[in-house]
C-alpha cells in the first residue's frame, strides 16, 4: 500500500510540473473538442427553449384570450 501511495504521489507531482511548463508559446483558443462541447451545450439550451416558448405562448393565450365553451352554473341543486 505504501508503494502504491508513493507511486501515485510521484505521478501527481510529475503531472503538475508538466502542466506548469506548458504555459508558453501556444496561442489561446478552443480546440475541436471545446467547440463540440460548446455546440452540445447550445443544442441543449435550444431544445429546452423551444418548448418553453410554446408553453409561454399557450399560457398567454389562455390568460388574455377569449373564453371558450364556458357555461355558468345556476341553480344546480337537487
N, C-alpha and C. Protein backbone atom coordinates (compact mmCIF):
# COMPACT_ATOMS: atom_id res chain seq x y z
N UNK A 1 0.82 -1.19 0.00
CA UNK A 1 0.00 0.00 0.00
C UNK A 1 0.87 1.26 0.00
N UNK A 2 1.97 1.20 0.75
CA UNK A 2 2.85 2.37 0.81
C UNK A 2 3.49 2.62 -0.56
N UNK A 3 3.87 1.56 -1.24
CA UNK A 3 4.47 1.74 -2.56
C UNK A 3 3.48 2.35 -3.55
N UNK A 4 2.23 1.90 -3.49
CA UNK A 4 1.21 2.45 -4.37
C UNK A 4 0.99 3.93 -4.09
N UNK A 5 0.95 4.29 -2.83
CA UNK A 5 0.77 5.69 -2.46
C UNK A 5 1.95 6.54 -2.92
N UNK A 6 3.15 6.02 -2.79
CA UNK A 6 4.34 6.74 -3.26
C UNK A 6 4.31 6.94 -4.77
N UNK A 7 3.92 5.90 -5.49
CA UNK A 7 3.87 6.00 -6.96
C UNK A 7 2.81 7.00 -7.40
N UNK A 8 1.64 6.94 -6.77
CA UNK A 8 0.57 7.89 -7.11
C UNK A 8 1.00 9.32 -6.80
N UNK A 9 1.65 9.54 -5.67
CA UNK A 9 2.13 10.87 -5.32
C UNK A 9 3.18 11.36 -6.31
N UNK A 10 4.10 10.49 -6.69
CA UNK A 10 5.12 10.86 -7.66
C UNK A 10 4.52 11.21 -9.01
N UNK A 11 3.55 10.42 -9.46
CA UNK A 11 2.89 10.70 -10.75
C UNK A 11 2.14 12.03 -10.69
N UNK A 12 1.47 12.30 -9.57
CA UNK A 12 0.75 13.56 -9.43
C UNK A 12 1.70 14.76 -9.47
N UNK A 13 2.85 14.64 -8.81
CA UNK A 13 3.84 15.73 -8.82
C UNK A 13 4.39 15.93 -10.22
N UNK A 14 4.67 14.84 -10.92
CA UNK A 14 5.22 14.95 -12.27
C UNK A 14 4.21 15.57 -13.23
N UNK A 15 2.94 15.22 -13.10
CA UNK A 15 1.91 15.79 -13.95
C UNK A 15 1.74 17.29 -13.68
N UNK A 16 1.82 17.68 -12.42
CA UNK A 16 1.68 19.09 -12.07
C UNK A 16 2.84 19.89 -12.65
N UNK A 17 4.04 19.36 -12.63
CA UNK A 17 5.19 20.06 -13.18
C UNK A 17 5.06 20.24 -14.69
N UNK A 18 4.59 19.23 -15.39
CA UNK A 18 4.45 19.38 -16.84
C UNK A 18 3.33 20.35 -17.18
N UNK A 19 2.33 20.46 -16.34
CA UNK A 19 1.25 21.41 -16.60
C UNK A 19 1.76 22.85 -16.44
N UNK A 20 2.61 23.08 -15.46
CA UNK A 20 3.18 24.41 -15.29
C UNK A 20 4.13 24.76 -16.44
N UNK A 21 4.79 23.79 -16.98
CA UNK A 21 5.74 24.04 -18.05
C UNK A 21 5.04 24.29 -19.39
N UNK A 22 3.78 23.92 -19.52
CA UNK A 22 3.09 24.03 -20.79
C UNK A 22 2.52 25.42 -21.05
N UNK A 23 2.70 26.36 -20.17
CA UNK A 23 2.16 27.71 -20.37
C UNK A 23 3.19 28.55 -21.10
N UNK A 24 3.26 28.35 -22.41
CA UNK A 24 4.30 29.05 -23.14
C UNK A 24 3.81 29.64 -24.44
N UNK A 25 4.39 29.18 -25.54
CA UNK A 25 4.22 29.83 -26.83
C UNK A 25 2.94 29.46 -27.56
N UNK A 26 2.12 28.57 -27.01
CA UNK A 26 0.90 28.20 -27.72
C UNK A 26 -0.09 29.34 -27.72
N UNK A 27 -0.80 29.47 -28.84
CA UNK A 27 -1.84 30.51 -28.94
C UNK A 27 -3.09 30.02 -28.23
N UNK A 28 -3.82 30.95 -27.64
CA UNK A 28 -5.05 30.60 -26.95
C UNK A 28 -6.16 30.28 -27.94
N UNK A 29 -7.24 29.74 -27.43
CA UNK A 29 -8.38 29.42 -28.27
C UNK A 29 -8.94 28.06 -27.92
N UNK A 30 -10.02 27.73 -28.58
CA UNK A 30 -10.69 26.46 -28.32
C UNK A 30 -10.22 25.41 -29.31
N UNK A 31 -10.11 24.20 -28.83
CA UNK A 31 -9.78 23.09 -29.71
C UNK A 31 -11.09 22.56 -30.29
N UNK A 32 -10.97 21.53 -31.10
CA UNK A 32 -12.16 20.92 -31.70
C UNK A 32 -13.08 20.36 -30.63
N UNK A 33 -12.52 19.75 -29.61
CA UNK A 33 -13.33 19.20 -28.53
C UNK A 33 -14.06 20.31 -27.79
N UNK A 34 -13.42 21.44 -27.60
CA UNK A 34 -14.06 22.58 -26.96
C UNK A 34 -15.24 23.09 -27.75
N UNK A 35 -15.08 23.20 -29.07
CA UNK A 35 -16.17 23.66 -29.93
C UNK A 35 -17.32 22.65 -29.94
N UNK A 36 -17.00 21.37 -29.94
CA UNK A 36 -18.05 20.35 -29.90
C UNK A 36 -18.81 20.44 -28.58
N UNK A 37 -18.10 20.63 -27.48
CA UNK A 37 -18.75 20.77 -26.18
C UNK A 37 -19.65 22.00 -26.14
N UNK A 38 -19.16 23.13 -26.63
CA UNK A 38 -19.99 24.34 -26.65
C UNK A 38 -21.20 24.18 -27.55
N UNK A 39 -21.03 23.50 -28.69
CA UNK A 39 -22.17 23.23 -29.57
C UNK A 39 -23.20 22.33 -28.91
N UNK A 40 -22.73 21.35 -28.15
CA UNK A 40 -23.64 20.46 -27.44
C UNK A 40 -24.42 21.23 -26.38
N UNK A 41 -23.75 22.13 -25.67
CA UNK A 41 -24.45 22.96 -24.69
C UNK A 41 -25.47 23.87 -25.36
N UNK A 42 -25.12 24.44 -26.50
CA UNK A 42 -26.07 25.28 -27.23
C UNK A 42 -27.26 24.48 -27.71
N UNK A 43 -27.04 23.25 -28.12
CA UNK A 43 -28.13 22.38 -28.54
C UNK A 43 -29.07 22.10 -27.38
N UNK A 44 -28.53 21.83 -26.22
CA UNK A 44 -29.37 21.57 -25.05
C UNK A 44 -30.20 22.80 -24.70
N UNK A 45 -29.57 23.97 -24.70
CA UNK A 45 -30.29 25.20 -24.37
C UNK A 45 -31.40 25.45 -25.39
N UNK A 46 -31.12 25.24 -26.67
CA UNK A 46 -32.12 25.45 -27.71
C UNK A 46 -33.28 24.49 -27.56
N UNK A 47 -32.97 23.24 -27.31
CA UNK A 47 -34.03 22.25 -27.17
C UNK A 47 -34.88 22.48 -25.92
N UNK A 48 -34.36 23.14 -24.93
CA UNK A 48 -35.16 23.50 -23.76
C UNK A 48 -35.92 24.80 -23.98
N UNK A 49 -35.41 25.67 -24.83
CA UNK A 49 -36.00 26.98 -25.03
C UNK A 49 -37.25 26.93 -25.90
N UNK A 50 -37.25 26.08 -26.92
CA UNK A 50 -38.39 26.00 -27.85
C UNK A 50 -39.66 25.55 -27.14
N UNK A 51 -39.68 24.46 -26.37
CA UNK A 51 -40.91 24.11 -25.67
C UNK A 51 -41.33 25.14 -24.62
N UNK A 52 -40.34 25.82 -24.03
CA UNK A 52 -40.68 26.87 -23.06
C UNK A 52 -41.41 28.01 -23.75
N UNK A 53 -40.98 28.37 -24.95
CA UNK A 53 -41.68 29.42 -25.69
C UNK A 53 -43.09 28.99 -26.07
N UNK A 54 -43.25 27.75 -26.48
CA UNK A 54 -44.58 27.25 -26.84
C UNK A 54 -45.49 27.27 -25.61
N UNK A 55 -44.98 26.82 -24.47
CA UNK A 55 -45.78 26.82 -23.25
C UNK A 55 -46.12 28.23 -22.81
N UNK A 56 -45.17 29.15 -22.94
CA UNK A 56 -45.43 30.54 -22.57
C UNK A 56 -46.50 31.15 -23.47
N UNK A 57 -46.42 30.86 -24.78
CA UNK A 57 -47.43 31.36 -25.70
C UNK A 57 -48.81 30.81 -25.39
N UNK A 58 -48.90 29.53 -25.05
CA UNK A 58 -50.19 28.94 -24.68
C UNK A 58 -50.74 29.54 -23.40
N UNK A 59 -49.84 29.82 -22.47
CA UNK A 59 -50.27 30.41 -21.21
C UNK A 59 -50.80 31.83 -21.45
N UNK A 60 -50.12 32.61 -22.27
CA UNK A 60 -50.58 33.96 -22.56
C UNK A 60 -51.91 33.94 -23.33
N UNK A 61 -52.08 32.97 -24.23
CA UNK A 61 -53.35 32.85 -24.94
C UNK A 61 -54.47 32.48 -23.98
N UNK A 62 -54.17 31.65 -22.99
CA UNK A 62 -55.18 31.27 -22.01
C UNK A 62 -55.54 32.42 -21.07
N UNK A 63 -54.57 33.23 -20.73
CA UNK A 63 -54.84 34.34 -19.81
C UNK A 63 -55.54 35.49 -20.52
N UNK A 64 -55.07 35.85 -21.71
CA UNK A 64 -55.60 37.03 -22.38
C UNK A 64 -56.55 36.71 -23.53
N UNK A 65 -56.74 35.46 -23.85
CA UNK A 65 -57.60 35.09 -24.97
C UNK A 65 -59.07 35.11 -24.59
N UNK A 66 -59.92 34.86 -25.59
CA UNK A 66 -61.36 34.83 -25.37
C UNK A 66 -61.75 33.53 -24.68
N UNK A 67 -62.82 33.61 -23.90
CA UNK A 67 -63.31 32.42 -23.20
C UNK A 67 -64.04 31.53 -24.19
N UNK A 68 -63.82 30.22 -24.11
CA UNK A 68 -64.46 29.27 -24.99
C UNK A 68 -65.27 28.28 -24.16
N UNK A 69 -66.47 28.03 -24.59
CA UNK A 69 -67.31 26.99 -24.00
C UNK A 69 -67.41 27.05 -22.48
N UNK A 70 -67.58 28.22 -21.97
CA UNK A 70 -67.77 28.35 -20.53
C UNK A 70 -69.25 28.56 -20.26
N UNK A 71 -69.79 27.72 -19.46
CA UNK A 71 -71.21 27.81 -19.11
C UNK A 71 -71.31 28.23 -17.65
N UNK A 72 -72.28 29.05 -17.37
CA UNK A 72 -72.50 29.45 -15.98
C UNK A 72 -73.44 28.44 -15.34
N UNK A 73 -73.11 28.05 -14.16
CA UNK A 73 -73.91 27.08 -13.43
C UNK A 73 -74.81 27.86 -12.50
N UNK A 74 -76.14 27.74 -12.70
CA UNK A 74 -77.07 28.44 -11.84
C UNK A 74 -78.13 27.46 -11.36
N UNK A 75 -78.36 27.43 -10.11
CA UNK A 75 -79.43 26.61 -9.54
C UNK A 75 -79.32 25.12 -9.84
N UNK A 76 -78.17 24.56 -9.66
CA UNK A 76 -77.94 23.14 -9.97
C UNK A 76 -78.08 22.32 -8.70
N UNK A 77 -79.16 22.54 -7.97
CA UNK A 77 -79.39 21.85 -6.70
C UNK A 77 -80.46 20.79 -6.90
N UNK A 78 -80.30 19.62 -6.35
CA UNK A 78 -81.29 18.56 -6.49
C UNK A 78 -82.21 18.49 -5.31
